Amino acid sequence: MASTTLVTITYSVSTAKRTEFEGIIRDLTARINNSQQAVRFSVYREEDDPTTYVEVYECDSTEAYDALEDSLEDDTSRMIRRIATDFATARQAVMTLSKMN
């Protein structure tokens, strides 16, 4: 099924923590993508500001994204919380977009 919903989360990570963050985010990407069929996860770094990252969740539906957290293993959930508490330095901006038919 084609994605009908995109969820983006934008935040900054300090330069001092970038290497550690990028290792964690690679592991997180593999964990989510290997365990989910209805949600595909990727992360992008802004070209003009390499401390700014955008997580992109391509979802079969809004419900699939909403159910994601409940379906993750404990270690994966801890990684997500750690990114929010230990790495994200700027306020996180979350946007949900629905595909127009």
Protein backbone atom coordinates (compact mmCIF):
# COMPACT_ATOMS: atom_id res chain seq x y z
CA MET A 1 0.00 0.00 0.00
CA ALA A 2 1.26 3.49 -0.81
CA SER A 3 1.85 5.90 2.02
CA THR A 4 -1.09 8.14 2.77
CA THR A 5 0.39 9.88 5.81
CA LEU A 6 3.75 11.50 6.47
CA VAL A 7 4.83 12.46 9.96
CA THR A 8 7.94 14.60 10.35
CA ILE A 9 9.80 15.46 13.53
CA THR A 10 12.46 18.17 13.28
CA TYR A 11 15.08 18.91 15.94
CA SER A 12 18.71 19.94 16.42
CA VAL A 13 21.58 17.95 17.91
CA SER A 14 24.71 19.61 19.27
CA THR A 15 27.86 19.15 17.24
CA ALA A 16 29.54 17.46 20.21
CA LYS A 17 26.90 14.70 20.25
CA ARG A 18 26.43 14.22 16.49
CA THR A 19 28.62 11.13 16.09
CA GLU A 20 26.94 9.27 18.94
CA PHE A 21 23.50 10.39 17.77
CA GLU A 22 24.11 9.22 14.20
CA GLY A 23 25.11 5.76 15.46
CA ILE A 24 21.94 5.49 17.53
CA ILE A 25 19.72 6.77 14.71
CA ARG A 26 21.13 4.20 12.26
CA ASP A 27 20.30 1.42 14.73
CA LEU A 28 16.86 2.90 15.38
CA THR A 29 16.10 3.12 11.66
CA ALA A 30 16.95 -0.55 11.17
CA ARG A 31 14.90 -1.60 14.21
CA ILE A 32 11.77 0.26 13.14
CA ASN A 33 11.98 -0.71 9.47
CA ASN A 34 12.65 -4.38 10.26
CA SER A 35 9.72 -4.62 12.67
CA GLN A 36 7.07 -2.58 10.84
CA GLN A 37 5.15 -3.09 7.62
CA ALA A 38 2.79 -0.12 7.86
CA VAL A 39 5.43 2.48 8.80
CA ARG A 40 8.72 3.22 7.06
CA PHE A 41 11.24 5.37 8.89
CA SER A 42 14.13 7.50 7.62
CA VAL A 43 16.16 10.43 8.90
CA TYR A 44 17.53 13.38 6.96
CA ARG A 45 20.12 16.00 7.89
CA GLU A 46 19.62 19.56 6.69
CA GLU A 47 22.27 20.54 4.13
CA ASP A 48 22.59 24.16 5.28
CA ASP A 49 22.63 23.29 9.01
CA PRO A 50 24.17 19.87 9.71
CA THR A 51 22.96 19.99 13.32
CA THR A 52 19.29 19.89 12.21
CA TYR A 53 17.65 16.52 11.58
CA VAL A 54 14.23 15.52 10.28
CA GLU A 55 12.73 12.14 11.09
CA VAL A 56 10.27 11.05 8.39
CA TYR A 57 7.65 8.39 9.01
CA GLU A 58 5.90 7.22 5.83
CA CYS A 59 2.70 5.54 7.01
CA ASP A 60 -0.08 3.54 5.42
CA SER A 61 -2.50 5.51 7.61
CA THR A 62 -2.63 7.89 10.56
CA GLU A 63 -3.71 4.93 12.68
CA ALA A 64 -0.54 3.02 11.70
CA TYR A 65 1.61 5.85 13.07
CA ASP A 66 -0.50 6.11 16.21
CA ALA A 67 -0.06 2.37 16.81
CA LEU A 68 3.70 2.46 16.22
CA GLU A 69 4.69 3.28 19.78
CA ASP A 70 2.62 0.44 21.22
CA SER A 71 4.21 -2.10 18.86
CA LEU A 72 7.89 -1.26 19.50
CA GLU A 73 10.23 -3.36 21.63
CA ASP A 74 11.30 -1.80 24.93
CA ASP A 75 14.87 -1.16 23.73
CA THR A 76 13.58 0.67 20.66
CA SER A 77 11.24 2.81 22.77
CA ARG A 78 14.14 3.66 25.09
CA MET A 79 16.22 4.77 22.09
CA ILE A 80 13.45 7.13 20.97
CA ARG A 81 13.12 8.61 24.46
CA ARG A 82 16.91 8.98 24.70
CA ILE A 83 17.03 10.93 21.45
CA ALA A 84 14.37 13.31 22.79
CA THR A 85 15.98 13.78 26.21
CA ASP A 86 19.74 13.42 25.61
CA PHE A 87 20.28 14.65 22.05
CA ALA A 88 17.56 17.02 20.83
CA THR A 89 18.64 20.54 21.82
CA ALA A 90 16.00 22.62 20.05
CA ARG A 91 12.28 22.25 20.54
CA GLN A 92 10.94 19.41 18.46
CA ALA A 93 8.54 20.37 15.67
CA VAL A 94 6.06 17.67 14.68
CA MET A 95 4.00 17.81 11.49
CA THR A 96 1.46 15.27 10.19
CA LEU A 97 0.58 15.42 6.50
CA SER A 98 -2.22 13.50 4.81
CA LYS A 99 -2.05 12.71 1.10
CA MET A 100 -4.67 14.40 -1.04
CA ASN A 101 -6.54 12.02 -3.32
